[in-house]
C-alpha atoms as a PDB file:
ATOM      1  CA  MET A   1      -0.132  -0.053  -0.173  1.00  0.00           C
ATOM      2  CA  GLN A   2       1.432   3.413  -0.925  1.00  0.00           C
ATOM      3  CA  LYS A   3       1.173   6.492   1.145  1.00  0.00           C
ATOM      4  CA  ASN A   4      -2.121   8.549   0.728  1.00  0.00           C
ATOM      5  CA  VAL A   5      -2.398  11.854  -0.918  1.00  0.00           C
ATOM      6  CA  ILE A   6      -4.081  14.125   1.862  1.00  0.00           C
ATOM      7  CA  ILE A   7      -7.199  15.633   0.952  1.00  0.00           C
ATOM      8  CA  THR A   8      -7.434  19.324   2.668  1.00  0.00           C
ATOM      9  CA  ARG A   9     -11.557  19.135   3.133  1.00  0.00           C
ATOM     10  CA  LEU A  10     -13.162  15.795   3.038  1.00  0.00           C
ATOM     11  CA  ASP A  11     -16.407  15.495   1.799  1.00  0.00           C
ATOM     12  CA  SER A  12     -17.152  12.194   3.250  1.00  0.00           C
ATOM     13  CA  ILE A  13     -16.114  13.902   7.006  1.00  0.00           C
ATOM     14  CA  ARG A  14     -18.776  16.762   6.339  1.00  0.00           C
ATOM     15  CA  ALA A  15     -21.619  13.969   5.327  1.00  0.00           C
ATOM     16  CA  LEU A  16     -20.977  11.953   8.245  1.00  0.00           C
ATOM     17  CA  ARG A  17     -21.328  14.900  10.713  1.00  0.00           C
ATOM     18  CA  GLY A  18     -24.632  15.328   8.634  1.00  0.00           C
ATOM     19  CA  ILE A  19     -25.575  11.788   9.435  1.00  0.00           C
ATOM     20  CA  ALA A  20     -24.589  12.166  13.189  1.00  0.00           C
ATOM     21  CA  VAL A  21     -26.538  15.250  13.806  1.00  0.00           C
ATOM     22  CA  LEU A  22     -29.683  13.662  12.030  1.00  0.00           C
ATOM     23  CA  LEU A  23     -29.646  10.870  14.305  1.00  0.00           C
ATOM     24  CA  VAL A  24     -29.118  12.972  17.420  1.00  0.00           C
ATOM     25  CA  LEU A  25     -32.487  14.909  16.144  1.00  0.00           C
ATOM     26  CA  ALA A  26     -34.151  11.799  15.517  1.00  0.00           C
ATOM     27  CA  SER A  27     -33.962  10.858  19.305  1.00  0.00           C
ATOM     28  CA  HIS A  28     -34.826  14.186  20.612  1.00  0.00           C
ATOM     29  CA  LEU A  29     -37.866  14.315  18.218  1.00  0.00           C
ATOM     30  CA  LEU A  30     -39.395  10.775  19.913  1.00  0.00           C
ATOM     31  CA  ILE A  31     -38.946  12.347  23.051  1.00  0.00           C
ATOM     32  CA  ILE A  32     -40.597  15.422  22.095  1.00  0.00           C
ATOM     33  CA  GLU A  33     -43.660  13.330  20.619  1.00  0.00           C
ATOM     34  CA  ARG A  34     -44.150  11.604  23.629  1.00  0.00           C
ATOM     35  CA  LYS A  35     -44.191  14.969  25.983  1.00  0.00           C
ATOM     36  CA  TYR A  36     -46.521  16.798  23.309  1.00  0.00           C
ATOM     37  CA  SER A  37     -48.650  14.302  21.673  1.00  0.00           C
ATOM     38  CA  ASN A  38     -51.600  12.052  23.101  1.00  0.00           C
ATOM     39  CA  ASP A  39     -50.473   9.248  20.323  1.00  0.00           C
ATOM     40  CA  GLN A  40     -47.460   8.221  19.155  1.00  0.00           C
ATOM     41  CA  ILE A  41     -46.332   7.159  15.481  1.00  0.00           C
ATOM     42  CA  LEU A  42     -42.487   7.163  15.688  1.00  0.00           C
ATOM     43  CA  PRO A  43     -41.062   3.839  16.486  1.00  0.00           C
ATOM     44  CA  ASP A  44     -39.173   3.491  19.914  1.00  0.00           C
ATOM     45  CA  TRP A  45     -35.998   2.216  18.476  1.00  0.00           C
ATOM     46  CA  LEU A  46     -35.266   6.106  16.988  1.00  0.00           C
ATOM     47  CA  ILE A  47     -34.082   6.382  20.664  1.00  0.00           C
ATOM     48  CA  ASN A  48     -30.831   4.973  19.454  1.00  0.00           C
ATOM     49  CA  GLY A  49     -30.526   8.011  17.555  1.00  0.00           C
ATOM     50  CA  LEU A  50     -28.195   8.963  20.662  1.00  0.00           C
ATOM     51  CA  SER A  51     -25.583   6.929  18.593  1.00  0.00           C
ATOM     52  CA  GLY A  52     -24.779  10.179  16.622  1.00  0.00           C
ATOM     53  CA  VAL A  53     -23.243  11.350  19.607  1.00  0.00           C
ATOM     54  CA  ASP A  54     -20.551   8.518  19.440  1.00  0.00           C
ATOM     55  CA  LEU A  55     -20.270   8.858  15.506  1.00  0.00           C
ATOM     56  CA  PHE A  56     -19.294  12.810  16.643  1.00  0.00           C
ATOM     57  CA  PHE A  57     -16.684  11.482  18.974  1.00  0.00           C
ATOM     58  CA  VAL A  58     -15.139   9.324  16.748  1.00  0.00           C
ATOM     59  CA  ILE A  59     -15.327  12.193  14.037  1.00  0.00           C
ATOM     60  CA  SER A  60     -13.761  14.567  16.466  1.00  0.00           C
ATOM     61  CA  GLY A  61     -10.896  11.973  16.931  1.00  0.00           C
ATOM     62  CA  PHE A  62     -10.335  11.773  13.538  1.00  0.00           C
ATOM     63  CA  ILE A  63     -10.087  15.348  12.832  1.00  0.00           C
ATOM     64  CA  MET A  64      -7.673  16.159  15.379  1.00  0.00           C
ATOM     65  CA  VAL A  65      -5.183  14.079  14.257  1.00  0.00           C
ATOM     66  CA  TYR A  66      -5.797  14.806  10.636  1.00  0.00           C
ATOM     67  CA  VAL A  67      -5.712  18.622  10.774  1.00  0.00           C
ATOM     68  CA  THR A  68      -2.415  18.562  12.962  1.00  0.00           C
ATOM     69  CA  GLN A  69      -0.537  15.994  10.708  1.00  0.00           C
ATOM     70  CA  ASN A  70       2.167  18.593   9.736  1.00  0.00           C
ATOM     71  CA  THR A  71       1.940  20.675  12.907  1.00  0.00           C
ATOM     72  CA  ARG A  72       5.573  21.557  14.515  1.00  0.00           C
ATOM     73  CA  VAL A  73       6.182  19.899  18.225  1.00  0.00           C
ATOM     74  CA  GLY A  74       6.024  22.268  21.049  1.00  0.00           C
ATOM     75  CA  TRP A  75       4.138  24.663  23.083  1.00  0.00           C
ATOM     76  CA  GLN A  76       2.989  27.040  20.548  1.00  0.00           C
ATOM     77  CA  SER A  77       1.478  24.460  18.131  1.00  0.00           C
ATOM     78  CA  SER A  78       0.021  23.121  21.339  1.00  0.00           C
ATOM     79  CA  TRP A  79      -1.455  26.280  22.405  1.00  0.00           C
ATOM     80  CA  LEU A  80      -2.726  27.387  19.120  1.00  0.00           C
ATOM     81  CA  PHE A  81      -4.613  23.933  18.849  1.00  0.00           C
ATOM     82  CA  LEU A  82      -6.490  24.917  22.166  1.00  0.00           C
ATOM     83  CA  LEU A  83      -7.228  28.293  21.197  1.00  0.00           C
ATOM     84  CA  ALA A  84      -8.649  27.089  17.728  1.00  0.00           C
ATOM     85  CA  ARG A  85     -10.904  24.694  19.620  1.00  0.00           C
ATOM     86  CA  ILE A  86     -11.654  26.912  22.552  1.00  0.00           C
ATOM     87  CA  THR A  87     -12.812  29.782  19.839  1.00  0.00           C
ATOM     88  CA  ARG A  88     -14.686  27.243  17.996  1.00  0.00           C
ATOM     89  CA  ILE A  89     -16.898  25.572  20.902  1.00  0.00           C
ATOM     90  CA  TYR A  90     -17.412  28.064  23.348  1.00  0.00           C
ATOM     91  CA  PRO A  91     -19.060  31.571  21.357  1.00  0.00           C
ATOM     92  CA  LEU A  92     -21.810  30.120  19.691  1.00  0.00           C
ATOM     93  CA  TYR A  93     -22.354  27.648  22.873  1.00  0.00           C
ATOM     94  CA  TRP A  94     -22.769  30.961  24.843  1.00  0.00           C
ATOM     95  CA  VAL A  95     -24.903  32.336  22.784  1.00  0.00           C
ATOM     96  CA  VAL A  96     -27.266  29.371  22.579  1.00  0.00           C
ATOM     97  CA  SER A  97     -27.159  29.116  26.276  1.00  0.00           C
ATOM     98  CA  LEU A  98     -28.064  32.384  26.963  1.00  0.00           C
ATOM     99  CA  SER A  99     -31.050  32.125  24.583  1.00  0.00           C
ATOM    100  CA  LEU A 100     -32.083  29.169  26.697  1.00  0.00           C
ATOM    101  CA  VAL A 101     -32.091  31.075  29.748  1.00  0.00           C
ATOM    102  CA  PHE A 102     -34.132  33.719  28.261  1.00  0.00           C
ATOM    103  CA  VAL A 103     -36.646  30.686  27.704  1.00  0.00           C
ATOM    104  CA  TRP A 104     -36.291  29.623  30.836  1.00  0.00           C
ATOM    105  CA  LEU A 105     -37.023  33.148  32.679  1.00  0.00           C
ATOM    106  CA  ILE A 106     -40.634  32.755  30.613  1.00  0.00           C
ATOM    107  CA  VAL A 107     -41.202  29.108  30.489  1.00  0.00           C
ATOM    108  CA  PRO A 108     -39.334  27.190  33.347  1.00  0.00           C
ATOM    109  CA  HIS A 109     -41.089  23.741  32.780  1.00  0.00           C
ATOM    110  CA  MET A 110     -39.920  23.737  29.130  1.00  0.00           C
ATOM    111  CA  VAL A 111     -36.089  23.648  29.799  1.00  0.00           C
ATOM    112  CA  PHE A 112     -35.533  21.585  33.446  1.00  0.00           C
ATOM    113  CA  SER A 113     -38.936  19.598  33.326  1.00  0.00           C
ATOM    114  CA  SER A 114     -36.568  16.236  32.813  1.00  0.00           C
ATOM    115  CA  THR A 115     -33.849  17.175  35.383  1.00  0.00           C
ATOM    116  CA  LEU A 116     -33.855  16.418  38.754  1.00  0.00           C
ATOM    117  CA  GLY A 117     -32.540  19.940  39.764  1.00  0.00           C
ATOM    118  CA  GLN A 118     -31.400  23.131  38.303  1.00  0.00           C
ATOM    119  CA  PRO A 119     -28.299  22.956  36.701  1.00  0.00           C
ATOM    120  CA  ASN A 120     -25.058  25.089  38.058  1.00  0.00           C
ATOM    121  CA  PHE A 121     -24.809  28.012  35.352  1.00  0.00           C
ATOM    122  CA  PHE A 122     -21.216  28.620  36.117  1.00  0.00           C
ATOM    123  CA  ARG A 123     -20.106  25.085  35.503  1.00  0.00           C
ATOM    124  CA  SER A 124     -22.519  24.921  32.497  1.00  0.00           C
ATOM    125  CA  PHE A 125     -20.866  28.047  30.821  1.00  0.00           C
ATOM    126  CA  LEU A 126     -17.246  26.663  31.354  1.00  0.00           C
ATOM    127  CA  LEU A 127     -18.438  23.222  30.016  1.00  0.00           C
ATOM    128  CA  LEU A 128     -16.867  21.816  33.380  1.00  0.00           C
ATOM    129  CA  PRO A 129     -17.717  18.779  35.133  1.00  0.00           C
ATOM    130  CA  ASP A 130     -20.701  18.551  37.465  1.00  0.00           C
ATOM    131  CA  GLN A 131     -23.288  16.043  38.733  1.00  0.00           C
ATOM    132  CA  GLN A 132     -26.035  17.985  37.655  1.00  0.00           C
ATOM    133  CA  PRO A 133     -26.425  18.005  33.446  1.00  0.00           C
ATOM    134  CA  PRO A 134     -25.283  21.223  32.062  1.00  0.00           C
ATOM    135  CA  LEU A 135     -28.077  24.216  31.315  1.00  0.00           C
ATOM    136  CA  LEU A 136     -28.059  23.224  27.657  1.00  0.00           C
ATOM    137  CA  ALA A 137     -28.881  19.186  27.294  1.00  0.00           C
ATOM    138  CA  VAL A 138     -26.322  18.263  24.830  1.00  0.00           C
ATOM    139  CA  GLY A 139     -23.489  20.187  26.638  1.00  0.00           C
ATOM    140  CA  TRP A 140     -22.227  17.159  28.349  1.00  0.00           C
ATOM    141  CA  THR A 141     -20.842  15.720  25.277  1.00  0.00           C
ATOM    142  CA  LEU A 142     -18.691  19.191  25.089  1.00  0.00           C
ATOM    143  CA  ILE A 143     -17.370  18.717  28.395  1.00  0.00           C
ATOM    144  CA  HIS A 144     -16.428  15.604  26.899  1.00  0.00           C
ATOM    145  CA  GLU A 145     -15.125  17.314  23.544  1.00  0.00           C
ATOM    146  CA  MET A 146     -12.945  19.693  25.809  1.00  0.00           C
ATOM    147  CA  TYR A 147     -11.500  17.240  27.692  1.00  0.00           C
ATOM    148  CA  PHE A 148     -10.544  15.505  24.693  1.00  0.00           C
ATOM    149  CA  TYR A 149      -8.874  18.724  23.075  1.00  0.00           C
ATOM    150  CA  LEU A 150      -6.643  18.983  26.320  1.00  0.00           C
ATOM    151  CA  ILE A 151      -5.443  15.496  26.345  1.00  0.00           C
ATOM    152  CA  PHE A 152      -4.618  16.168  22.691  1.00  0.00           C
ATOM    153  CA  ALA A 153      -2.707  19.371  23.092  1.00  0.00           C
ATOM    154  CA  LEU A 154      -0.760  17.551  25.543  1.00  0.00           C
ATOM    155  CA  GLY A 155      -0.038  14.935  23.015  1.00  0.00           C
ATOM    156  CA  LEU A 156       0.825  17.871  20.480  1.00  0.00           C
ATOM    157  CA  LEU A 157       4.320  18.396  22.872  1.00  0.00           C
ATOM    158  CA  LEU A 158       5.294  14.919  22.180  1.00  0.00           C
ATOM    159  CA  PRO A 159       7.326  13.865  18.822  1.00  0.00           C
ATOM    160  CA  ARG A 160       4.667  12.845  16.368  1.00  0.00           C
ATOM    161  CA  LYS A 161       5.736   9.096  16.574  1.00  0.00           C
ATOM    162  CA  TYR A 162       4.868   8.952  20.149  1.00  0.00           C
ATOM    163  CA  LEU A 163       1.451  10.557  19.852  1.00  0.00           C
ATOM    164  CA  ILE A 164      -0.690   7.332  18.991  1.00  0.00           C
ATOM    165  CA  TRP A 165       1.118   5.654  22.030  1.00  0.00           C
ATOM    166  CA  PHE A 166       0.451   8.549  24.157  1.00  0.00           C
ATOM    167  CA  LEU A 167      -3.684   8.527  23.275  1.00  0.00           C
ATOM    168  CA  LEU A 168      -3.618   4.406  23.537  1.00  0.00           C
ATOM    169  CA  LEU A 169      -2.078   4.993  27.300  1.00  0.00           C
ATOM    170  CA  VAL A 170      -4.515   7.635  28.248  1.00  0.00           C
ATOM    171  CA  SER A 171      -7.281   5.500  26.903  1.00  0.00           C
ATOM    172  CA  VAL A 172      -6.327   2.173  28.525  1.00  0.00           C
ATOM    173  CA  VAL A 173      -5.794   4.078  32.071  1.00  0.00           C
ATOM    174  CA  ALA A 174      -9.326   5.808  32.079  1.00  0.00           C
ATOM    175  CA  VAL A 175     -11.180   2.485  31.042  1.00  0.00           C
ATOM    176  CA  LEU A 176      -9.397   0.786  33.728  1.00  0.00           C
ATOM    177  CA  GLY A 177      -9.568   3.086  35.905  1.00  0.00           C
ATOM    178  CA  TYR A 178     -13.300   3.235  35.164  1.00  0.00           C
ATOM    179  CA  TRP A 179     -14.080  -0.276  35.629  1.00  0.00           C
ATOM    180  CA  GLN A 180     -12.092  -0.300  38.989  1.00  0.00           C
ATOM    181  CA  TYR A 181     -13.637   2.814  40.700  1.00  0.00           C
ATOM    182  CA  SER A 182     -16.955   3.699  38.685  1.00  0.00           C
ATOM    183  CA  SER A 183     -19.230   3.154  41.781  1.00  0.00           C
ATOM    184  CA  ARG A 184     -17.434   6.095  43.419  1.00  0.00           C
ATOM    185  CA  LEU A 185     -16.556   8.528  41.120  1.00  0.00           C
ATOM    186  CA  SER A 186     -16.769  12.110  41.301  1.00  0.00           C
ATOM    187  CA  ALA A 187     -17.814  14.309  38.438  1.00  0.00           C
ATOM    188  CA  LEU A 188     -14.238  15.180  37.508  1.00  0.00           C
ATOM    189  CA  THR A 189     -12.968  11.788  37.657  1.00  0.00           C
ATOM    190  CA  SER A 190     -16.038  10.220  35.989  1.00  0.00           C
ATOM    191  CA  LEU A 191     -14.358  12.993  33.065  1.00  0.00           C
ATOM    192  CA  ILE A 192     -11.034  11.670  33.346  1.00  0.00           C
ATOM    193  CA  LEU A 193     -11.957   7.945  33.625  1.00  0.00           C
ATOM    194  CA  SER A 194     -14.729   7.881  31.050  1.00  0.00           C
ATOM    195  CA  PRO A 195     -14.644   4.955  28.770  1.00  0.00           C
ATOM    196  CA  LEU A 196     -16.150   7.361  26.011  1.00  0.00           C
ATOM    197  CA  ILE A 197     -12.261   8.619  25.465  1.00  0.00           C
ATOM    198  CA  ILE A 198     -11.949   5.022  23.137  1.00  0.00           C
ATOM    199  CA  GLU A 199     -14.341   6.522  20.535  1.00  0.00           C
ATOM    200  CA  PHE A 200     -11.976   9.619  20.194  1.00  0.00           C
ATOM    201  CA  LEU A 201      -9.023   7.263  19.986  1.00  0.00           C
ATOM    202  CA  GLY A 202     -10.569   5.038  17.483  1.00  0.00           C
ATOM    203  CA  GLY A 203     -11.194   8.161  15.499  1.00  0.00           C
ATOM    204  CA  ALA A 204      -7.460   9.078  15.709  1.00  0.00           C
ATOM    205  CA  MET A 205      -6.179   5.610  14.844  1.00  0.00           C
ATOM    206  CA  VAL A 206      -8.397   5.827  11.678  1.00  0.00           C
ATOM    207  CA  ALA A 207      -6.514   9.398  11.017  1.00  0.00           C
ATOM    208  CA  PHE A 208      -3.288   7.768  11.218  1.00  0.00           C
ATOM    209  CA  ALA A 209      -4.373   4.598   8.824  1.00  0.00           C
ATOM    210  CA  VAL A 210      -5.780   7.285   6.418  1.00  0.00           C
ATOM    211  CA  ILE A 211      -2.565   9.636   6.668  1.00  0.00           C
ATOM    212  CA  ARG A 212      -0.031   6.799   6.251  1.00  0.00           C
ATOM    213  CA  TRP A 213      -1.654   4.572   3.887  1.00  0.00           C
ATOM    214  CA  LYS A 214      -3.603   4.443   0.671  1.00  0.00           C
ATOM    215  CA  VAL A 215      -6.138   1.521  -0.111  1.00  0.00           C
ATOM    216  CA  HIS A 216      -8.672   0.485  -2.620  1.00  0.00           C
ATOM    217  CA  PHE A 217     -10.547  -1.900  -1.458  1.00  0.00           C
ATOM    218  CA  TRP A 218     -13.033   0.610  -0.194  1.00  0.00           C
ATOM    219  CA  GLN A 219     -16.355  -1.501  -1.074  1.00  0.00           C
ATOM    220  CA  ILE A 220     -15.359  -3.633   1.564  1.00  0.00           C
ATOM    221  CA  LEU A 221     -14.813  -1.264   4.027  1.00  0.00           C
ATOM    222  CA  VAL A 222     -17.937   0.323   3.594  1.00  0.00           C
ATOM    223  CA  PHE A 223     -20.134  -2.597   3.684  1.00  0.00           C
ATOM    224  CA  ALA A 224     -18.107  -3.593   6.977  1.00  0.00           C
ATOM    225  CA  GLY A 225     -18.850  -0.247   8.541  1.00  0.00           C
ATOM    226  CA  VAL A 226     -22.042   0.093   7.865  1.00  0.00           C
ATOM    227  CA  THR A 227     -23.177  -3.267   8.405  1.00  0.00           C
ATOM    228  CA  LEU A 228     -21.211  -3.188  12.128  1.00  0.00           C
ATOM    229  CA  PHE A 229     -22.595   0.252  13.043  1.00  0.00           C
ATOM    230  CA  LEU A 230     -26.314  -1.209  12.183  1.00  0.00           C
ATOM    231  CA  LEU A 231     -25.826  -4.532  14.268  1.00  0.00           C
ATOM    232  CA  THR A 232     -24.764  -1.932  16.709  1.00  0.00           C
ATOM    233  CA  LEU A 233     -27.923  -0.339  16.840  1.00  0.00           C
ATOM    234  CA  ILE A 234     -29.820  -3.238  16.574  1.00  0.00           C
ATOM    235  CA  TYR A 235     -27.944  -4.576  19.255  1.00  0.00           C
ATOM    236  CA  ALA A 236     -28.933  -1.687  21.372  1.00  0.00           C
ATOM    237  CA  SER A 237     -32.517  -1.805  20.662  1.00  0.00           C
ATOM    238  CA  TYR A 238     -32.491  -5.058  22.533  1.00  0.00           C
ATOM    239  CA  ASN A 239     -31.047  -3.311  25.662  1.00  0.00           C
ATOM    240  CA  SER A 240     -32.929  -1.000  27.821  1.00  0.00           C
ATOM    241  CA  ILE A 241     -31.599   2.646  27.791  1.00  0.00           C
ATOM    242  CA  GLU A 242     -30.478   2.552  31.419  1.00  0.00           C
ATOM    243  CA  GLU A 243     -28.293  -0.551  30.481  1.00  0.00           C
ATOM    244  CA  PHE A 244     -26.844   0.550  27.098  1.00  0.00           C
ATOM    245  CA  TRP A 245     -26.559   3.864  26.757  1.00  0.00           C
ATOM    246  CA  VAL A 246     -24.138   4.620  29.858  1.00  0.00           C
ATOM    247  CA  HIS A 247     -20.635   5.201  28.845  1.00  0.00           C
ATOM    248  CA  SER A 248     -19.247   1.739  29.144  1.00  0.00           C
ATOM    249  CA  LYS A 249     -21.515  -0.162  27.225  1.00  0.00           C
ATOM    250  CA  ARG A 250     -21.680   2.444  24.452  1.00  0.00           C
ATOM    251  CA  ALA A 251     -18.390   3.160  23.839  1.00  0.00           C
ATOM    252  CA  LEU A 252     -17.325  -0.668  23.823  1.00  0.00           C
ATOM    253  CA  PHE A 253     -19.816  -1.221  20.826  1.00  0.00           C
ATOM    254  CA  PHE A 254     -19.654   2.011  19.035  1.00  0.00           C
ATOM    255  CA  ALA A 255     -15.664   2.671  19.164  1.00  0.00           C
ATOM    256  CA  PRO A 256     -15.204   0.141  16.511  1.00  0.00           C
ATOM    257  CA  SER A 257     -18.333   0.207  14.556  1.00  0.00           C
ATOM    258  CA  ALA A 258     -18.209   4.032  14.289  1.00  0.00           C
ATOM    259  CA  SER A 259     -14.564   3.971  13.390  1.00  0.00           C
ATOM    260  CA  LEU A 260     -14.874   1.616  10.870  1.00  0.00           C
ATOM    261  CA  LEU A 261     -17.542   3.474   9.567  1.00  0.00           C
ATOM    262  CA  VAL A 262     -15.464   6.683   9.156  1.00  0.00           C
ATOM    263  CA  TYR A 263     -12.691   4.865   7.887  1.00  0.00           C
ATOM    264  CA  GLY A 264     -14.538   3.241   5.066  1.00  0.00           C
ATOM    265  CA  LEU A 265     -16.313   6.582   3.925  1.00  0.00           C
ATOM    266  CA  VAL A 266     -13.071   8.462   4.283  1.00  0.00           C
ATOM    267  CA  VAL A 267     -11.447   5.736   1.834  1.00  0.00           C
ATOM    268  CA  MET A 268     -14.268   5.825  -0.379  1.00  0.00           C
ATOM    269  CA  GLU A 269     -13.919   9.431  -0.825  1.00  0.00           C
ATOM    270  CA  GLN A 270     -10.105   8.948  -1.722  1.00  0.00           C
ATOM    271  CA  ASN A 271     -10.829   6.563  -4.368  1.00  0.00           C
ATOM    272  CA  GLY A 272     -13.042   9.484  -6.216  1.00  0.00           C
ATOM    273  CA  LYS A 273     -16.582   8.772  -4.786  1.00  0.00           C
ATOM    274  CA  SER A 274     -18.662  11.728  -3.938  1.00  0.00           C
ATOM    275  CA  PHE A 275     -21.600  12.114  -1.336  1.00  0.00           C
ATOM    276  CA  SER A 276     -24.883  13.439  -1.027  1.00  0.00           C
ATOM    277  CA  THR A 277     -24.978  17.595  -1.144  1.00  0.00           C
ATOM    278  CA  ALA A 278     -27.883  17.497   1.338  1.00  0.00           C
ATOM    279  CA  LEU A 279     -25.886  15.404   4.098  1.00  0.00           C
ATOM    280  CA  ILE A 280     -22.986  18.123   3.511  1.00  0.00           C
ATOM    281  CA  TRP A 281     -25.165  20.950   3.738  1.00  0.00           C
ATOM    282  CA  ILE A 282     -26.540  19.682   6.894  1.00  0.00           C
ATOM    283  CA  GLY A 283     -23.105  18.531   7.675  1.00  0.00           C
ATOM    284  CA  ASP A 284     -21.707  21.850   7.382  1.00  0.00           C
ATOM    285  CA  GLN A 285     -24.158  23.528   9.788  1.00  0.00           C
ATOM    286  CA  SER A 286     -24.148  20.491  12.407  1.00  0.00           C
ATOM    287  CA  TYR A 287     -22.526  22.329  15.184  1.00  0.00           C
ATOM    288  CA  SER A 288     -25.291  25.118  15.189  1.00  0.00           C
ATOM    289  CA  LEU A 289     -27.956  22.626  14.585  1.00  0.00           C
ATOM    290  CA  TYR A 290     -26.695  20.075  17.326  1.00  0.00           C
ATOM    291  CA  LEU A 291     -26.654  23.087  19.577  1.00  0.00           C
ATOM    292  CA  THR A 292     -30.128  24.582  18.763  1.00  0.00           C
ATOM    293  CA  HIS A 293     -32.189  21.565  17.486  1.00  0.00           C
ATOM    294  CA  VAL A 294     -33.402  20.474  21.485  1.00  0.00           C
ATOM    295  CA  LEU A 295     -34.448  24.071  21.939  1.00  0.00           C
ATOM    296  CA  THR A 296     -36.214  24.523  18.772  1.00  0.00           C
ATOM    297  CA  LEU A 297     -38.078  21.166  19.077  1.00  0.00           C
ATOM    298  CA  SER A 298     -39.236  22.298  22.714  1.00  0.00           C
ATOM    299  CA  VAL A 299     -40.621  25.589  21.461  1.00  0.00           C
ATOM    300  CA  VAL A 300     -42.416  24.053  18.309  1.00  0.00           C
ATOM    301  CA  GLY A 301     -43.305  20.997  20.085  1.00  0.00           C
ATOM    302  CA  TRP A 302     -44.988  23.279  23.127  1.00  0.00           C
ATOM    303  CA  ILE A 303     -46.568  24.998  20.525  1.00  0.00           C
ATOM    304  CA  TRP A 304     -47.675  21.554  19.093  1.00  0.00           C
ATOM    305  CA  GLY A 305     -49.196  20.717  22.459  1.00  0.00           C
ATOM    306  CA  TRP A 306     -51.714  23.406  22.473  1.00  0.00           C
ATOM    307  CA  PHE A 307     -53.520  21.652  19.095  1.00  0.00           C
ATOM    308  CA  ALA A 308     -52.634  18.287  19.689  1.00  0.00           C
ATOM    309  CA  VAL A 309     -55.680  15.848  19.290  1.00  0.00           C
ATOM    310  CA  PRO A 310     -56.441  12.299  19.402  1.00  0.00           C
ATOM    311  CA  GLY A 311     -55.403  10.494  16.447  1.00  0.00           C
ATOM    312  CA  TYR A 312     -52.343  10.393  14.384  1.00  0.00           C
ATOM    313  CA  TRP A 313     -53.213  13.494  12.018  1.00  0.00           C
ATOM    314  CA  ASP A 314     -51.748  16.162  14.224  1.00  0.00           C
ATOM    315  CA  ASN A 315     -48.481  14.020  14.239  1.00  0.00           C
ATOM    316  CA  ILE A 316     -48.196  13.764  10.494  1.00  0.00           C
ATOM    317  CA  ILE A 317     -48.427  17.179  10.355  1.00  0.00           C
ATOM    318  CA  ALA A 318     -46.173  18.121  13.154  1.00  0.00           C
ATOM    319  CA  LEU A 319     -43.521  16.165  12.919  1.00  0.00           C
ATOM    320  CA  PRO A 320     -42.186  17.392   9.700  1.00  0.00           C
ATOM    321  CA  ILE A 321     -42.464  20.663  10.685  1.00  0.00           C
ATOM    322  CA  LEU A 322     -40.365  20.032  14.036  1.00  0.00           C
ATOM    323  CA  VAL A 323     -37.567  18.798  11.661  1.00  0.00           C
ATOM    324  CA  ILE A 324     -37.981  21.342   9.070  1.00  0.00           C
ATOM    325  CA  SER A 325     -38.062  24.317  11.720  1.00  0.00           C
ATOM    326  CA  SER A 326     -34.828  22.273  13.467  1.00  0.00           C
ATOM    327  CA  LEU A 327     -32.886  22.839  10.048  1.00  0.00           C
ATOM    328  CA  ILE A 328     -34.104  26.352   9.401  1.00  0.00           C
ATOM    329  CA  VAL A 329     -33.074  27.618  12.856  1.00  0.00           C
ATOM    330  CA  GLY A 330     -29.825  25.645  12.425  1.00  0.00           C
ATOM    331  CA  GLN A 331     -28.863  27.166   8.993  1.00  0.00           C
ATOM    332  CA  ILE A 332     -29.845  30.514  10.320  1.00  0.00           C
ATOM    333  CA  THR A 333     -27.667  30.439  13.335  1.00  0.00           C
ATOM    334  CA  TYR A 334     -24.912  28.863  11.155  1.00  0.00           C
ATOM    335  CA  VAL A 335     -24.970  31.826   8.482  1.00  0.00           C
ATOM    336  CA  LEU A 336     -25.724  34.809  10.722  1.00  0.00           C
ATOM    337  CA  LEU A 337     -23.815  33.520  13.685  1.00  0.00           C
ATOM    338  CA  GLU A 338     -21.703  30.342  13.369  1.00  0.00           C
ATOM    339  CA  ARG A 339     -19.652  31.543  10.250  1.00  0.00           C
ATOM    340  CA  PRO A 340     -18.863  34.971  11.300  1.00  0.00           C
ATOM    341  CA  MET A 341     -17.737  33.691  14.610  1.00  0.00           C
ATOM    342  CA  LEU A 342     -15.408  31.512  12.807  1.00  0.00           C
ATOM    343  CA  ARG A 343     -14.022  34.195  10.863  1.00  0.00           C
ATOM    344  CA  GLY A 344     -13.155  36.334  13.654  1.00  0.00           C
ATOM    345  CA  ALA A 345     -11.556  33.579  15.309  1.00  0.00           C
ATOM    346  CA  TYR A 346      -9.437  32.544  12.434  1.00  0.00           C
ATOM    347  CA  TRP A 347      -8.412  36.592  12.489  1.00  0.00           C
ATOM    348  CA  LEU A 348      -7.858  36.452  15.983  1.00  0.00           C
ATOM    349  CA  ARG A 349      -5.719  33.189  15.894  1.00  0.00           C
ATOM    350  CA  HIS A 350      -3.817  34.817  12.992  1.00  0.00           C
ATOM    351  CA  LYS A 351      -2.977  37.834  14.793  1.00  0.00           C
ATOM    352  CA  LEU A 352      -1.610  35.612  17.864  1.00  0.00           C
ATOM    353  CA  ASP A 353       0.499  33.378  15.447  1.00  0.00           C
ATOM    354  CA  SER A 354       2.193  36.509  13.820  1.00  0.00           C
END
């Protein structure tokens, strides 16, 4: 196998982001229908759309290695990497969180009705680990993301040949620590010892493989990746939510299946295949859509609740409206907020690096 030619902007990853955010959207759509409708037409297995989070984690691990492959070893590279991720994650997260606070002040039960207590606002806004869920429900995943970024930034201080071994060591320590001490972990140690880090490791290993080797049997990889991912979803359907979606079990099954899926689709692109423009479009706005969709679904679902009647007709009408509304709000947020913020963050990093 020859060394691979690097593609700077991967449509496969953009499309995978689109798939991941649609999966998460589907799981929350099911929850909204159960909350506001007298009837239910969505199947219970849609809750497995939670797997979009696991796919996001693998994609994140892949991207970190892929975009830093030519980065020099040292504190400056490590700092600039962290700065890039901080300016990518926090500004839009803060804006959406503040919007959520505004809704909470008007309709409190719409925001915290599924939690046992009020979130710690300080920890929520800084994405610090806490026993309570963050203000923005999906923020728990960003807490893991920021921890992943910190670990990877430390890895950038090492010679490149040691990076994968460092990530592997951190992952092994986390998994062993979790299985040994899972019954008595604090919020901080739960984060540090979370088995979800092996999903990040899986994506990182895929990136190392993609950078190093050029392979041509993409059909086999795609078939294997899709099949294993679907089998994992089927297995999840035969387990209770409380049993399967804990960090240890979901990571054990989705780390290999999501990693193989990412590898197969990236190799598919390397061999000249194209991807759905619709999925790429959704993937480009995936962060905006991910942050805003719960709030959009909650507001539109609350309005739906006023008009919900026995029978399925209101569901048939309301569910597409919920999805379309989420996509519209996501796109507006992406165009008006996320893209300008990204340009501003790029300008800031350029000034600091010059």
